[in-house]
């Protein structure tokens, strides 16, 4: 809701797609994005989502940005997520 229906950002919520998203997250581990979501989202109740919910949100963001899908559900384990990098698809 805060980032808009097309994840383009709304008011204080930054875009989670396109050049601005990649300028902030490119070449970082997926674990870093999951950790940011875990600690700061949702804005009204930071940290209230489960690790699975955080991973599902990350998977949605990556899918929306046309990242290639894996063979399995995105893991919640930080060590496993450290091996996956965010790379621009365009």
C-alpha atoms as a PDB file:
ATOM      1  CA  UNK A   1       0.000   0.000   0.000  1.00  0.00           C
ATOM      2  CA  UNK A   2       2.692   2.496   0.984  1.00  0.00           C
ATOM      3  CA  UNK A   3       4.832   1.935  -2.107  1.00  0.00           C
ATOM      4  CA  UNK A   4       1.870   2.110  -4.511  1.00  0.00           C
ATOM      5  CA  UNK A   5       0.205  -0.519  -6.698  1.00  0.00           C
ATOM      6  CA  UNK A   6       3.069  -0.496  -9.209  1.00  0.00           C
ATOM      7  CA  UNK A   7       5.763  -0.237  -6.478  1.00  0.00           C
ATOM      8  CA  UNK A   8       6.746   3.152  -7.909  1.00  0.00           C
ATOM      9  CA  UNK A   9       6.822   4.836  -4.516  1.00  0.00           C
ATOM     10  CA  UNK A  10       4.327   7.136  -2.830  1.00  0.00           C
ATOM     11  CA  UNK A  11       5.188  10.208  -0.747  1.00  0.00           C
ATOM     12  CA  UNK A  12       7.857   9.020   1.729  1.00  0.00           C
ATOM     13  CA  UNK A  13       7.903   5.390   0.529  1.00  0.00           C
ATOM     14  CA  UNK A  14      10.688   4.834  -2.027  1.00  0.00           C
ATOM     15  CA  UNK A  15      10.235   2.960  -5.299  1.00  0.00           C
ATOM     16  CA  UNK A  16      10.746  -0.789  -5.135  1.00  0.00           C
ATOM     17  CA  UNK A  17      11.155  -1.101  -8.884  1.00  0.00           C
ATOM     18  CA  UNK A  18      13.175   0.409 -11.672  1.00  0.00           C
ATOM     19  CA  UNK A  19      16.370   2.427 -11.669  1.00  0.00           C
ATOM     20  CA  UNK A  20      15.942   3.931  -8.205  1.00  0.00           C
ATOM     21  CA  UNK A  21      15.374   0.506  -6.633  1.00  0.00           C
ATOM     22  CA  UNK A  22      18.449  -0.886  -8.365  1.00  0.00           C
ATOM     23  CA  UNK A  23      20.566   2.143  -7.471  1.00  0.00           C
ATOM     24  CA  UNK A  24      19.864   1.352  -3.804  1.00  0.00           C
ATOM     25  CA  UNK A  25      20.004  -2.469  -3.901  1.00  0.00           C
ATOM     26  CA  UNK A  26      22.035  -3.601  -6.918  1.00  0.00           C
ATOM     27  CA  UNK A  27      24.753  -6.150  -6.112  1.00  0.00           C
ATOM     28  CA  UNK A  28      23.648  -6.446  -2.475  1.00  0.00           C
ATOM     29  CA  UNK A  29      22.597  -9.738  -0.967  1.00  0.00           C
ATOM     30  CA  UNK A  30      18.888 -10.510  -0.778  1.00  0.00           C
ATOM     31  CA  UNK A  31      19.434 -10.996   2.967  1.00  0.00           C
ATOM     32  CA  UNK A  32      20.012  -7.239   3.295  1.00  0.00           C
ATOM     33  CA  UNK A  33      16.667  -6.393   1.693  1.00  0.00           C
ATOM     34  CA  UNK A  34      14.894  -8.960   3.861  1.00  0.00           C
ATOM     35  CA  UNK A  35      16.566  -7.556   6.983  1.00  0.00           C
ATOM     36  CA  UNK A  36      15.510  -3.990   6.078  1.00  0.00           C
ATOM     37  CA  UNK A  37      11.920  -5.116   5.579  1.00  0.00           C
ATOM     38  CA  UNK A  38      12.026  -7.122   8.810  1.00  0.00           C
ATOM     39  CA  UNK A  39      13.243  -4.161  10.864  1.00  0.00           C
ATOM     40  CA  UNK A  40      11.243  -1.318   9.322  1.00  0.00           C
ATOM     41  CA  UNK A  41       8.009  -2.677   7.856  1.00  0.00           C
ATOM     42  CA  UNK A  42       5.170  -2.217   8.071  1.00  0.00           C
ATOM     43  CA  UNK A  43       5.677   1.400   9.015  1.00  0.00           C
ATOM     44  CA  UNK A  44       2.962   1.368  11.692  1.00  0.00           C
ATOM     45  CA  UNK A  45       4.285  -1.837  13.344  1.00  0.00           C
ATOM     46  CA  UNK A  46       7.928  -2.485  12.373  1.00  0.00           C
ATOM     47  CA  UNK A  47       9.091  -6.033  12.980  1.00  0.00           C
ATOM     48  CA  UNK A  48       5.581  -7.444  13.289  1.00  0.00           C
ATOM     49  CA  UNK A  49       5.797  -9.673  10.206  1.00  0.00           C
ATOM     50  CA  UNK A  50       7.061 -13.232  10.338  1.00  0.00           C
ATOM     51  CA  UNK A  51      10.288 -14.199   8.615  1.00  0.00           C
ATOM     52  CA  UNK A  52       8.187 -16.101   6.030  1.00  0.00           C
ATOM     53  CA  UNK A  53       6.104 -12.985   5.348  1.00  0.00           C
ATOM     54  CA  UNK A  54       9.285 -10.942   4.930  1.00  0.00           C
ATOM     55  CA  UNK A  55      10.659 -13.521   2.464  1.00  0.00           C
ATOM     56  CA  UNK A  56       7.365 -13.534   0.547  1.00  0.00           C
ATOM     57  CA  UNK A  57       7.513  -9.742   0.243  1.00  0.00           C
ATOM     58  CA  UNK A  58      11.097  -9.929  -1.030  1.00  0.00           C
ATOM     59  CA  UNK A  59      10.065 -12.621  -3.528  1.00  0.00           C
ATOM     60  CA  UNK A  60       7.216 -10.395  -4.728  1.00  0.00           C
ATOM     61  CA  UNK A  61       9.536  -7.396  -5.153  1.00  0.00           C
ATOM     62  CA  UNK A  62      12.070  -9.487  -7.082  1.00  0.00           C
ATOM     63  CA  UNK A  63       9.344 -11.042  -9.231  1.00  0.00           C
ATOM     64  CA  UNK A  64       7.849  -7.626  -9.955  1.00  0.00           C
ATOM     65  CA  UNK A  65      11.320  -6.562 -11.123  1.00  0.00           C
ATOM     66  CA  UNK A  66      11.433  -9.627 -13.406  1.00  0.00           C
ATOM     67  CA  UNK A  67      14.205 -11.403 -11.519  1.00  0.00           C
ATOM     68  CA  UNK A  68      14.447 -15.043 -12.562  1.00  0.00           C
ATOM     69  CA  UNK A  69      12.511 -17.420 -10.354  1.00  0.00           C
ATOM     70  CA  UNK A  70      14.335 -20.113  -8.450  1.00  0.00           C
ATOM     71  CA  UNK A  71      13.500 -23.785  -8.231  1.00  0.00           C
ATOM     72  CA  UNK A  72      12.249 -23.498  -4.635  1.00  0.00           C
ATOM     73  CA  UNK A  73      10.457 -20.985  -2.445  1.00  0.00           C
ATOM     74  CA  UNK A  74      12.735 -18.149  -1.326  1.00  0.00           C
ATOM     75  CA  UNK A  75      14.345 -19.348   1.909  1.00  0.00           C
ATOM     76  CA  UNK A  76      14.079 -17.431   5.167  1.00  0.00           C
ATOM     77  CA  UNK A  77      17.553 -18.453   6.339  1.00  0.00           C
ATOM     78  CA  UNK A  78      19.931 -15.461   6.354  1.00  0.00           C
ATOM     79  CA  UNK A  79      22.948 -17.557   5.324  1.00  0.00           C
ATOM     80  CA  UNK A  80      21.119 -18.895   2.272  1.00  0.00           C
ATOM     81  CA  UNK A  81      19.905 -15.411   1.345  1.00  0.00           C
ATOM     82  CA  UNK A  82      23.450 -14.039   1.533  1.00  0.00           C
ATOM     83  CA  UNK A  83      24.321 -16.159  -1.505  1.00  0.00           C
ATOM     84  CA  UNK A  84      21.649 -14.495  -3.694  1.00  0.00           C
ATOM     85  CA  UNK A  85      22.512 -11.108  -5.186  1.00  0.00           C
ATOM     86  CA  UNK A  86      20.144  -8.436  -6.468  1.00  0.00           C
ATOM     87  CA  UNK A  87      21.084  -7.811 -10.087  1.00  0.00           C
ATOM     88  CA  UNK A  88      19.313  -5.502 -12.559  1.00  0.00           C
ATOM     89  CA  UNK A  89      17.400  -7.463 -15.174  1.00  0.00           C
ATOM     90  CA  UNK A  90      17.405  -4.768 -17.883  1.00  0.00           C
END
